[in-house]
Amino acid sequence: MEKVTVTVVNAVGLHARPASLLTKLVKGFECDIEVYKNGNDNKRHQPKSILSIMALGAVQGDKLTFEAKGKDEKEAIKAIEDFVRNGCGE
Protein backbone atom coordinates (compact mmCIF):
# COMPACT_ATOMS: atom_id res chain seq x y z
CA MET A 1 0.00 0.00 0.00
CA GLU A 2 1.18 3.49 -0.87
CA LYS A 3 -0.08 6.58 0.94
CA VAL A 4 0.36 10.35 0.68
CA THR A 5 -1.11 13.33 2.53
CA VAL A 6 -1.38 16.57 0.56
CA THR A 7 -2.81 20.01 1.22
CA VAL A 8 -5.36 21.49 -1.18
CA VAL A 9 -3.67 24.64 -2.51
CA ASN A 10 -6.08 26.01 -5.08
CA ALA A 11 -8.28 28.85 -3.87
CA VAL A 12 -11.64 27.24 -4.61
CA GLY A 13 -10.86 23.71 -3.44
CA LEU A 14 -12.18 20.60 -5.19
CA HIS A 15 -15.23 22.04 -6.92
CA ALA A 16 -16.70 20.40 -10.05
CA ARG A 17 -13.90 21.06 -12.55
CA PRO A 18 -10.91 19.88 -10.47
CA ALA A 19 -12.98 17.01 -9.08
CA SER A 20 -13.69 15.91 -12.66
CA LEU A 21 -10.01 16.17 -13.58
CA LEU A 22 -9.00 14.16 -10.51
CA THR A 23 -11.56 11.48 -11.34
CA LYS A 24 -10.24 11.23 -14.91
CA LEU A 25 -6.68 10.97 -13.60
CA VAL A 26 -7.32 8.16 -11.12
CA LYS A 27 -9.49 6.17 -13.53
CA GLY A 28 -6.30 5.64 -15.54
CA PHE A 29 -4.88 3.41 -12.80
CA GLU A 30 -5.77 -0.19 -12.04
CA CYS A 31 -5.13 -0.04 -8.29
CA ASP A 32 -7.80 0.59 -5.68
CA ILE A 33 -7.65 4.16 -4.39
CA GLU A 34 -9.33 5.79 -1.40
CA VAL A 35 -9.18 9.34 -0.12
CA TYR A 36 -10.21 10.95 3.13
CA LYS A 37 -10.10 14.44 4.55
CA ASN A 38 -8.03 14.49 7.72
CA GLY A 39 -10.18 15.41 10.66
CA ASN A 40 -12.64 13.94 13.07
CA ASP A 41 -14.53 11.50 10.85
CA ASN A 42 -11.93 10.37 8.27
CA LYS A 43 -14.76 9.00 6.09
CA ARG A 44 -13.26 7.27 3.08
CA HIS A 45 -14.25 8.24 -0.46
CA GLN A 46 -13.66 6.67 -3.85
CA PRO A 47 -11.86 9.19 -6.11
CA LYS A 48 -12.91 7.28 -9.23
CA SER A 49 -16.37 8.77 -8.61
CA ILE A 50 -16.88 12.50 -9.10
CA LEU A 51 -19.81 12.49 -6.65
CA SER A 52 -17.61 10.91 -4.01
CA ILE A 53 -14.95 13.59 -4.55
CA MET A 54 -17.55 16.35 -4.34
CA ALA A 55 -18.85 14.82 -1.08
CA LEU A 56 -15.43 15.46 0.49
CA GLY A 57 -16.19 19.17 0.48
CA ALA A 58 -12.45 19.88 0.29
CA VAL A 59 -11.48 23.55 0.41
CA GLN A 60 -8.16 25.37 0.34
CA GLY A 61 -5.99 24.31 3.25
CA ASP A 62 -7.68 20.94 3.84
CA LYS A 63 -5.35 17.97 4.15
CA LEU A 64 -6.33 14.94 2.09
CA THR A 65 -4.84 11.49 2.46
CA PHE A 66 -4.83 9.19 -0.55
CA GLU A 67 -4.18 5.46 -0.20
CA ALA A 68 -3.58 3.14 -3.14
CA LYS A 69 -3.33 -0.65 -3.19
CA GLY A 70 -2.48 -2.71 -6.23
CA LYS A 71 -0.34 -3.14 -9.29
CA ASP A 72 0.38 0.52 -10.15
CA GLU A 73 -0.03 2.06 -6.67
CA LYS A 74 3.30 3.94 -6.68
CA GLU A 75 2.58 5.61 -10.01
CA ALA A 76 -0.96 6.49 -8.92
CA ILE A 77 0.16 8.12 -5.67
CA LYS A 78 2.88 10.11 -7.45
CA ALA A 79 0.41 11.36 -10.09
CA ILE A 80 -2.18 12.32 -7.45
CA GLU A 81 0.43 14.09 -5.33
CA ASP A 82 1.64 16.11 -8.32
CA PHE A 83 -1.94 16.94 -9.36
CA VAL A 84 -2.99 18.30 -5.95
CA ARG A 85 0.28 20.13 -5.23
CA ASN A 86 0.09 21.83 -8.62
CA GLY A 87 -3.37 23.31 -7.98
CA CYS A 88 -5.67 20.53 -9.25
CA GLY A 89 -5.53 21.65 -12.85
CA GLU A 90 -6.48 25.24 -12.08
PDB file of N, CA and C in Angstrom:
ATOM      1  N   MET A   1       0.848  -1.182   0.000  1.00  0.00           N
ATOM      2  CA  MET A   1       0.000   0.000   0.000  1.00  0.00           C
ATOM      3  C   MET A   1       0.887   1.236   0.000  1.00  0.00           C
ATOM      4  N   GLU A   2       0.522   2.187  -0.816  1.00  0.00           N
ATOM      5  CA  GLU A   2       1.184   3.494  -0.870  1.00  0.00           C
ATOM      6  C   GLU A   2       0.210   4.528  -0.340  1.00  0.00           C
ATOM      7  N   LYS A   3       0.763   5.570   0.294  1.00  0.00           N
ATOM      8  CA  LYS A   3      -0.081   6.583   0.942  1.00  0.00           C
ATOM      9  C   LYS A   3       0.611   7.933   0.861  1.00  0.00           C
ATOM     10  N   VAL A   4      -0.181   8.987   0.666  1.00  0.00           N
ATOM     11  CA  VAL A   4       0.356  10.348   0.680  1.00  0.00           C
ATOM     12  C   VAL A   4      -0.695  11.289   1.263  1.00  0.00           C
ATOM     13  N   THR A   5      -0.235  12.271   2.025  1.00  0.00           N
ATOM     14  CA  THR A   5      -1.109  13.327   2.525  1.00  0.00           C
ATOM     15  C   THR A   5      -0.677  14.630   1.869  1.00  0.00           C
ATOM     16  N   VAL A   6      -1.644  15.316   1.262  1.00  0.00           N
ATOM     17  CA  VAL A   6      -1.382  16.571   0.558  1.00  0.00           C
ATOM     18  C   VAL A   6      -2.354  17.637   1.039  1.00  0.00           C
ATOM     19  N   THR A   7      -1.960  18.882   0.858  1.00  0.00           N
ATOM     20  CA  THR A   7      -2.808  20.014   1.221  1.00  0.00           C
ATOM     21  C   THR A   7      -3.397  20.618  -0.043  1.00  0.00           C
ATOM     22  N   VAL A   8      -4.691  20.858  -0.044  1.00  0.00           N
ATOM     23  CA  VAL A   8      -5.359  21.492  -1.185  1.00  0.00           C
ATOM     24  C   VAL A   8      -4.868  22.942  -1.248  1.00  0.00           C
ATOM     25  N   VAL A   9      -4.256  23.304  -2.385  1.00  0.00           N
ATOM     26  CA  VAL A   9      -3.667  24.642  -2.506  1.00  0.00           C
ATOM     27  C   VAL A   9      -4.488  25.599  -3.354  1.00  0.00           C
ATOM     28  N   ASN A  10      -5.335  25.086  -4.231  1.00  0.00           N
ATOM     29  CA  ASN A  10      -6.083  26.015  -5.080  1.00  0.00           C
ATOM     30  C   ASN A  10      -7.185  26.721  -4.292  1.00  0.00           C
ATOM     31  N   ALA A  11      -7.418  27.954  -4.646  1.00  0.00           N
ATOM     32  CA  ALA A  11      -8.279  28.850  -3.869  1.00  0.00           C
ATOM     33  C   ALA A  11      -9.717  28.362  -3.701  1.00  0.00           C
ATOM     34  N   VAL A  12     -10.231  27.644  -4.674  1.00  0.00           N
ATOM     35  CA  VAL A  12     -11.639  27.238  -4.608  1.00  0.00           C
ATOM     36  C   VAL A  12     -11.826  25.782  -4.206  1.00  0.00           C
ATOM     37  N   GLY A  13     -10.754  25.091  -3.889  1.00  0.00           N
ATOM     38  CA  GLY A  13     -10.857  23.706  -3.445  1.00  0.00           C
ATOM     39  C   GLY A  13     -11.236  22.760  -4.564  1.00  0.00           C
ATOM     40  N   LEU A  14     -11.806  21.624  -4.208  1.00  0.00           N
ATOM     41  CA  LEU A  14     -12.181  20.601  -5.195  1.00  0.00           C
ATOM     42  C   LEU A  14     -13.633  20.771  -5.623  1.00  0.00           C
ATOM     43  N   HIS A  15     -13.895  21.849  -6.352  1.00  0.00           N
ATOM     44  CA  HIS A  15     -15.233  22.038  -6.918  1.00  0.00           C
ATOM     45  C   HIS A  15     -15.351  21.161  -8.162  1.00  0.00           C
ATOM     46  N   ALA A  16     -16.372  21.320  -8.958  1.00  0.00           N
ATOM     47  CA  ALA A  16     -16.700  20.399 -10.046  1.00  0.00           C
ATOM     48  C   ALA A  16     -15.565  20.178 -11.051  1.00  0.00           C
ATOM     49  N   ARG A  17     -14.932  21.238 -11.517  1.00  0.00           N
ATOM     50  CA  ARG A  17     -13.903  21.059 -12.554  1.00  0.00           C
ATOM     51  C   ARG A  17     -12.700  20.278 -12.042  1.00  0.00           C
ATOM     52  N   PRO A  18     -12.050  20.680 -10.939  1.00  0.00           N
ATOM     53  CA  PRO A  18     -10.914  19.884 -10.472  1.00  0.00           C
ATOM     54  C   PRO A  18     -11.312  18.489  -9.997  1.00  0.00           C
ATOM     55  N   ALA A  19     -12.517  18.340  -9.479  1.00  0.00           N
ATOM     56  CA  ALA A  19     -12.984  17.006  -9.083  1.00  0.00           C
ATOM     57  C   ALA A  19     -13.094  16.107 -10.312  1.00  0.00           C
ATOM     58  N   SER A  20     -13.586  16.652 -11.404  1.00  0.00           N
ATOM     59  CA  SER A  20     -13.691  15.910 -12.655  1.00  0.00           C
ATOM     60  C   SER A  20     -12.307  15.518 -13.177  1.00  0.00           C
ATOM     61  N   LEU A  21     -11.374  16.454 -13.118  1.00  0.00           N
ATOM     62  CA  LEU A  21     -10.007  16.170 -13.577  1.00  0.00           C
ATOM     63  C   LEU A  21      -9.342  15.101 -12.710  1.00  0.00           C
ATOM     64  N   LEU A  22      -9.563  15.165 -11.408  1.00  0.00           N
ATOM     65  CA  LEU A  22      -9.000  14.159 -10.508  1.00  0.00           C
ATOM     66  C   LEU A  22      -9.592  12.784 -10.814  1.00  0.00           C
ATOM     67  N   THR A  23     -10.895  12.740 -11.022  1.00  0.00           N
ATOM     68  CA  THR A  23     -11.562  11.477 -11.343  1.00  0.00           C
ATOM     69  C   THR A  23     -10.991  10.883 -12.632  1.00  0.00           C
ATOM     70  N   LYS A  24     -10.811  11.713 -13.658  1.00  0.00           N
ATOM     71  CA  LYS A  24     -10.238  11.233 -14.912  1.00  0.00           C
ATOM     72  C   LYS A  24      -8.825  10.710 -14.699  1.00  0.00           C
ATOM     73  N   LEU A  25      -8.054  11.391 -13.879  1.00  0.00           N
ATOM     74  CA  LEU A  25      -6.682  10.970 -13.596  1.00  0.00           C
ATOM     75  C   LEU A  25      -6.649   9.594 -12.939  1.00  0.00           C
ATOM     76  N   VAL A  26      -7.401   9.416 -11.878  1.00  0.00           N
ATOM     77  CA  VAL A  26      -7.322   8.157 -11.123  1.00  0.00           C
ATOM     78  C   VAL A  26      -7.964   6.983 -11.856  1.00  0.00           C
ATOM     79  N   LYS A  27      -8.897   7.256 -12.756  1.00  0.00           N
ATOM     80  CA  LYS A  27      -9.492   6.167 -13.531  1.00  0.00           C
ATOM     81  C   LYS A  27      -8.474   5.516 -14.463  1.00  0.00           C
ATOM     82  N   GLY A  28      -7.357   6.187 -14.697  1.00  0.00           N
ATOM     83  CA  GLY A  28      -6.302   5.640 -15.536  1.00  0.00           C
ATOM     84  C   GLY A  28      -5.427   4.611 -14.833  1.00  0.00           C
ATOM     85  N   PHE A  29      -5.678   4.368 -13.571  1.00  0.00           N
ATOM     86  CA  PHE A  29      -4.878   3.415 -12.800  1.00  0.00           C
ATOM     87  C   PHE A  29      -5.718   2.207 -12.425  1.00  0.00           C
ATOM     88  N   GLU A  30      -5.076   1.044 -12.363  1.00  0.00           N
ATOM     89  CA  GLU A  30      -5.768  -0.193 -12.036  1.00  0.00           C
ATOM     90  C   GLU A  30      -5.966  -0.391 -10.539  1.00  0.00           C
ATOM     91  N   CYS A  31      -5.091   0.193  -9.739  1.00  0.00           N
ATOM     92  CA  CYS A  31      -5.133  -0.039  -8.291  1.00  0.00           C
ATOM     93  C   CYS A  31      -6.401   0.544  -7.660  1.00  0.00           C
ATOM     94  N   ASP A  32      -6.696   0.039  -6.472  1.00  0.00           N
ATOM     95  CA  ASP A  32      -7.799   0.586  -5.682  1.00  0.00           C
ATOM     96  C   ASP A  32      -7.293   1.812  -4.953  1.00  0.00           C
ATOM     97  N   ILE A  33      -8.063   2.899  -5.006  1.00  0.00           N
ATOM     98  CA  ILE A  33      -7.650   4.159  -4.390  1.00  0.00           C
ATOM     99  C   ILE A  33      -8.776   4.660  -3.502  1.00  0.00           C
ATOM    100  N   GLU A  34      -8.388   5.145  -2.325  1.00  0.00           N
ATOM    101  CA  GLU A  34      -9.328   5.786  -1.401  1.00  0.00           C
ATOM    102  C   GLU A  34      -8.735   7.118  -0.973  1.00  0.00           C
ATOM    103  N   VAL A  35      -9.615   8.039  -0.615  1.00  0.00           N
ATOM    104  CA  VAL A  35      -9.181   9.338  -0.119  1.00  0.00           C
ATOM    105  C   VAL A  35     -10.047   9.714   1.064  1.00  0.00           C
ATOM    106  N   TYR A  36      -9.441  10.395   2.019  1.00  0.00           N
ATOM    107  CA  TYR A  36     -10.214  10.947   3.128  1.00  0.00           C
ATOM    108  C   TYR A  36      -9.624  12.285   3.536  1.00  0.00           C
ATOM    109  N   LYS A  37     -10.507  13.132   4.045  1.00  0.00           N
ATOM    110  CA  LYS A  37     -10.100  14.441   4.550  1.00  0.00           C
ATOM    111  C   LYS A  37      -9.715  14.252   6.008  1.00  0.00           C
ATOM    112  N   ASN A  38      -8.510  14.662   6.351  1.00  0.00           N
ATOM    113  CA  ASN A  38      -8.032  14.488   7.720  1.00  0.00           C
ATOM    114  C   ASN A  38      -8.870  15.340   8.662  1.00  0.00           C
ATOM    115  N   GLY A  39      -9.327  14.723   9.697  1.00  0.00           N
ATOM    116  CA  GLY A  39     -10.176  15.415  10.662  1.00  0.00           C
ATOM    117  C   GLY A  39     -10.819  14.426  11.593  1.00  0.00           C
ATOM    118  N   ASN A  40     -11.985  14.768  12.067  1.00  0.00           N
ATOM    119  CA  ASN A  40     -12.641  13.944  13.068  1.00  0.00           C
ATOM    120  C   ASN A  40     -13.241  12.654  12.518  1.00  0.00           C
ATOM    121  N   ASP A  41     -13.821  12.686  11.317  1.00  0.00           N
ATOM    122  CA  ASP A  41     -14.526  11.496  10.850  1.00  0.00           C
ATOM    123  C   ASP A  41     -13.690  10.576   9.956  1.00  0.00           C
ATOM    124  N   ASN A  42     -12.771  11.142   9.185  1.00  0.00           N
ATOM    125  CA  ASN A  42     -11.926  10.372   8.270  1.00  0.00           C
ATOM    126  C   ASN A  42     -12.738   9.408   7.398  1.00  0.00           C
ATOM    127  N   LYS A  43     -13.931   9.829   6.973  1.00  0.00           N
ATOM    128  CA  LYS A  43     -14.764   9.003   6.094  1.00  0.00           C
ATOM    129  C   LYS A  43     -14.052   8.821   4.758  1.00  0.00           C
ATOM    130  N   ARG A  44     -13.982   7.598   4.308  1.00  0.00           N
ATOM    131  CA  ARG A  44     -13.264   7.272   3.076  1.00  0.00           C
ATOM    132  C   ARG A  44     -14.161   7.449   1.852  1.00  0.00           C
ATOM    133  N   HIS A  45     -13.549   7.985   0.791  1.00  0.00           N
ATOM    134  CA  HIS A  45     -14.251   8.237  -0.457  1.00  0.00           C
ATOM    135  C   HIS A  45     -13.502   7.570  -1.599  1.00  0.00           C
ATOM    136  N   GLN A  46     -14.221   7.291  -2.661  1.00  0.00           N
ATOM    137  CA  GLN A  46     -13.656   6.669  -3.852  1.00  0.00           C
ATOM    138  C   GLN A  46     -13.392   7.755  -4.899  1.00  0.00           C
ATOM    139  N   PRO A  47     -12.138   8.106  -5.160  1.00  0.00           N
ATOM    140  CA  PRO A  47     -11.865   9.187  -6.106  1.00  0.00           C
ATOM    141  C   PRO A  47     -12.139   8.845  -7.565  1.00  0.00           C
ATOM    142  N   LYS A  48     -12.522   7.613  -7.853  1.00  0.00           N
ATOM    143  CA  LYS A  48     -12.906   7.277  -9.226  1.00  0.00           C
ATOM    144  C   LYS A  48     -14.361   7.677  -9.496  1.00  0.00           C
ATOM    145  N   SER A  49     -15.004   8.272  -8.496  1.00  0.00           N
ATOM    146  CA  SER A  49     -16.373   8.769  -8.614  1.00  0.00           C
ATOM    147  C   SER A  49     -16.392  10.265  -8.332  1.00  0.00           C
ATOM    148  N   ILE A  50     -16.855  11.048  -9.284  1.00  0.00           N
ATOM    149  CA  ILE A  50     -16.883  12.505  -9.095  1.00  0.00           C
ATOM    150  C   ILE A  50     -17.801  12.887  -7.933  1.00  0.00           C
ATOM    151  N   LEU A  51     -18.903  12.173  -7.760  1.00  0.00           N
ATOM    152  CA  LEU A  51     -19.813  12.486  -6.653  1.00  0.00           C
ATOM    153  C   LEU A  51     -19.141  12.243  -5.310  1.00  0.00           C
ATOM    154  N   SER A  52     -18.332  11.202  -5.240  1.00  0.00           N
ATOM    155  CA  SER A  52     -17.611  10.913  -4.006  1.00  0.00           C
ATOM    156  C   SER A  52     -16.590  12.008  -3.701  1.00  0.00           C
ATOM    157  N   ILE A  53     -15.919  12.495  -4.733  1.00  0.00           N
ATOM    158  CA  ILE A  53     -14.945  13.592  -4.555  1.00  0.00           C
ATOM    159  C   ILE A  53     -15.664  14.857  -4.093  1.00  0.00           C
ATOM    160  N   MET A  54     -16.791  15.164  -4.719  1.00  0.00           N
ATOM    161  CA  MET A  54     -17.552  16.354  -4.341  1.00  0.00           C
ATOM    162  C   MET A  54     -18.037  16.246  -2.892  1.00  0.00           C
ATOM    163  N   ALA A  55     -18.374  15.033  -2.452  1.00  0.00           N
ATOM    164  CA  ALA A  55     -18.849  14.818  -1.082  1.00  0.00           C
ATOM    165  C   ALA A  55     -17.778  15.108  -0.036  1.00  0.00           C
ATOM    166  N   LEU A  56     -16.511  15.102  -0.441  1.00  0.00           N
ATOM    167  CA  LEU A  56     -15.435  15.456   0.487  1.00  0.00           C
ATOM    168  C   LEU A  56     -15.590  16.888   0.993  1.00  0.00           C
ATOM    169  N   GLY A  57     -16.062  17.767   0.111  1.00  0.00           N
ATOM    170  CA  GLY A  57     -16.191  19.175   0.477  1.00  0.00           C
ATOM    171  C   GLY A  57     -14.843  19.818   0.764  1.00  0.00           C
ATOM    172  N   ALA A  58     -13.814  19.395   0.038  1.00  0.00           N
ATOM    173  CA  ALA A  58     -12.451  19.875   0.286  1.00  0.00           C
ATOM    174  C   ALA A  58     -12.278  21.316  -0.181  1.00  0.00           C
ATOM    175  N   VAL A  59     -11.752  22.145   0.707  1.00  0.00           N
ATOM    176  CA  VAL A  59     -11.481  23.545   0.412  1.00  0.00           C
ATOM    177  C   VAL A  59      -9.992  23.818   0.611  1.00  0.00           C
ATOM    178  N   GLN A  60      -9.566  25.005   0.204  1.00  0.00           N
ATOM    179  CA  GLN A  60      -8.161  25.373   0.338  1.00  0.00           C
ATOM    180  C   GLN A  60      -7.699  25.182   1.783  1.00  0.00           C
ATOM    181  N   GLY A  61      -6.558  24.538   1.934  1.00  0.00           N
ATOM    182  CA  GLY A  61      -5.990  24.308   3.255  1.00  0.00           C
ATOM    183  C   GLY A  61      -6.324  22.952   3.865  1.00  0.00           C
ATOM    184  N   ASP A  62      -7.338  22.277   3.331  1.00  0.00           N
ATOM    185  CA  ASP A  62      -7.678  20.944   3.838  1.00  0.00           C
ATOM    186  C   ASP A  62      -6.569  19.959   3.486  1.00  0.00           C
ATOM    187  N   LYS A  63      -6.315  19.041   4.391  1.00  0.00           N
ATOM    188  CA  LYS A  63      -5.346  17.971   4.152  1.00  0.00           C
ATOM    189  C   LYS A  63      -6.114  16.715   3.743  1.00  0.00           C
ATOM    190  N   LEU A  64      -5.714  16.155   2.610  1.00  0.00           N
ATOM    191  CA  LEU A  64      -6.327  14.943   2.091  1.00  0.00           C
ATOM    192  C   LEU A  64      -5.299  13.827   2.082  1.00  0.00           C
ATOM    193  N   THR A  65      -5.717  12.653   2.513  1.00  0.00           N
ATOM    194  CA  THR A  65      -4.839  11.485   2.465  1.00  0.00           C
ATOM    195  C   THR A  65      -5.380  10.520   1.423  1.00  0.00           C
ATOM    196  N   PHE A  66      -4.508  10.151   0.491  1.00  0.00           N
ATOM    197  CA  PHE A  66      -4.825   9.190  -0.552  1.00  0.00           C
ATOM    198  C   PHE A  66      -4.086   7.900  -0.256  1.00  0.00           C
ATOM    199  N   GLU A  67      -4.782   6.777  -0.381  1.00  0.00           N
ATOM    200  CA  GLU A  67      -4.185   5.456  -0.204  1.00  0.00           C
ATOM    201  C   GLU A  67      -4.468   4.633  -1.450  1.00  0.00           C
ATOM    202  N   ALA A  68      -3.429   3.975  -1.949  1.00  0.00           N
ATOM    203  CA  ALA A  68      -3.576   3.136  -3.142  1.00  0.00           C
ATOM    204  C   ALA A  68      -3.033   1.742  -2.855  1.00  0.00           C
ATOM    205  N   LYS A  69      -3.747   0.744  -3.355  1.00  0.00           N
ATOM    206  CA  LYS A  69      -3.332  -0.653  -3.192  1.00  0.00           C
ATOM    207  C   LYS A  69      -3.474  -1.342  -4.536  1.00  0.00           C
ATOM    208  N   GLY A  70      -2.399  -1.957  -4.993  1.00  0.00           N
ATOM    209  CA  GLY A  70      -2.482  -2.710  -6.230  1.00  0.00           C
ATOM    210  C   GLY A  70      -1.277  -2.525  -7.119  1.00  0.00           C
ATOM    211  N   LYS A  71      -1.427  -3.032  -8.322  1.00  0.00           N
ATOM    212  CA  LYS A  71      -0.343  -3.139  -9.293  1.00  0.00           C
ATOM    213  C   LYS A  71       0.424  -1.836  -9.536  1.00  0.00           C
ATOM    214  N   ASP A  72      -0.271  -0.745  -9.781  1.00  0.00           N
ATOM    215  CA  ASP A  72       0.378   0.523 -10.145  1.00  0.00           C
ATOM    216  C   ASP A  72       0.220   1.586  -9.049  1.00  0.00           C
ATOM    217  N   GLU A  73       0.224   1.153  -7.796  1.00  0.00           N
ATOM    218  CA  GLU A  73      -0.025   2.062  -6.671  1.00  0.00           C
ATOM    219  C   GLU A  73       1.000   3.186  -6.561  1.00  0.00           C
ATOM    220  N   LYS A  74       2.270   2.900  -6.793  1.00  0.00           N
ATOM    221  CA  LYS A  74       3.299   3.943  -6.678  1.00  0.00           C
ATOM    222  C   LYS A  74       3.094   5.039  -7.715  1.00  0.00           C
ATOM    223  N   GLU A  75       2.810   4.635  -8.935  1.00  0.00           N
ATOM    224  CA  GLU A  75       2.579   5.610 -10.011  1.00  0.00           C
ATOM    225  C   GLU A  75       1.331   6.437  -9.734  1.00  0.00           C
ATOM    226  N   ALA A  76       0.296   5.787  -9.222  1.00  0.00           N
ATOM    227  CA  ALA A  76      -0.959   6.490  -8.919  1.00  0.00           C
ATOM    228  C   ALA A  76      -0.737   7.542  -7.847  1.00  0.00           C
ATOM    229  N   ILE A  77      -0.063   7.171  -6.772  1.00  0.00           N
ATOM    230  CA  ILE A  77       0.164   8.117  -5.667  1.00  0.00           C
ATOM    231  C   ILE A  77       1.019   9.292  -6.129  1.00  0.00           C
ATOM    232  N   LYS A  78       2.029   9.030  -6.933  1.00  0.00           N
ATOM    233  CA  LYS A  78       2.880  10.112  -7.449  1.00  0.00           C
ATOM    234  C   LYS A  78       2.064  11.066  -8.318  1.00  0.00           C
ATOM    235  N   ALA A  79       1.230  10.521  -9.199  1.00  0.00           N
ATOM    236  CA  ALA A  79       0.413  11.355 -10.090  1.00  0.00           C
ATOM    237  C   ALA A  79      -0.584  12.192  -9.288  1.00  0.00           C
ATOM    238  N   ILE A  80      -1.218  11.594  -8.287  1.00  0.00           N
ATOM    239  CA  ILE A  80      -2.180  12.317  -7.447  1.00  0.00           C
ATOM    240  C   ILE A  80      -1.478  13.417  -6.668  1.00  0.00           C
ATOM    241  N   GLU A  81      -0.332  13.092  -6.087  1.00  0.00           N
ATOM    242  CA  GLU A  81       0.428  14.087  -5.328  1.00  0.00           C
ATOM    243  C   GLU A  81       0.791  15.287  -6.204  1.00  0.00           C
ATOM    244  N   ASP A  82       1.297  15.027  -7.401  1.00  0.00           N
ATOM    245  CA  ASP A  82       1.636  16.109  -8.318  1.00  0.00           C
ATOM    246  C   ASP A  82       0.406  16.932  -8.701  1.00  0.00           C
ATOM    247  N   PHE A  83      -0.697  16.260  -8.968  1.00  0.00           N
ATOM    248  CA  PHE A  83      -1.939  16.937  -9.364  1.00  0.00           C
ATOM    249  C   PHE A  83      -2.411  17.907  -8.279  1.00  0.00           C
ATOM    250  N   VAL A  84      -2.486  17.451  -7.038  1.00  0.00           N
ATOM    251  CA  VAL A  84      -2.987  18.297  -5.951  1.00  0.00           C
ATOM    252  C   VAL A  84      -2.001  19.421  -5.635  1.00  0.00           C
ATOM    253  N   ARG A  85      -0.729  19.110  -5.566  1.00  0.00           N
ATOM    254  CA  ARG A  85       0.277  20.131  -5.226  1.00  0.00           C
ATOM    255  C   ARG A  85       0.418  21.199  -6.309  1.00  0.00           C
ATOM    256  N   ASN A  86       0.012  20.862  -7.524  1.00  0.00           N
ATOM    257  CA  ASN A  86       0.089  21.829  -8.619  1.00  0.00           C
ATOM    258  C   ASN A  86      -1.255  22.534  -8.870  1.00  0.00           C
ATOM    259  N   GLY A  87      -2.148  22.526  -7.884  1.00  0.00           N
ATOM    260  CA  GLY A  87      -3.373  23.309  -7.980  1.00  0.00           C
ATOM    261  C   GLY A  87      -4.563  22.608  -8.601  1.00  0.00           C
ATOM    262  N   CYS A  88      -4.512  21.309  -8.744  1.00  0.00           N
ATOM    263  CA  CYS A  88      -5.670  20.534  -9.246  1.00  0.00           C
ATOM    264  C   CYS A  88      -6.128  20.968 -10.629  1.00  0.00           C
ATOM    265  N   GLY A  89      -5.180  21.286 -11.484  1.00  0.00           N
ATOM    266  CA  GLY A  89      -5.530  21.654 -12.849  1.00  0.00           C
ATOM    267  C   GLY A  89      -6.050  23.062 -13.033  1.00  0.00           C
ATOM    268  N   GLU A  90      -5.969  23.872 -12.003  1.00  0.00           N
ATOM    269  CA  GLU A  90      -6.485  25.238 -12.075  1.00  0.00           C
ATOM    270  C   GLU A  90      -5.361  26.209 -12.378  1.00  0.00           C
TER     271      GLU A  90
END
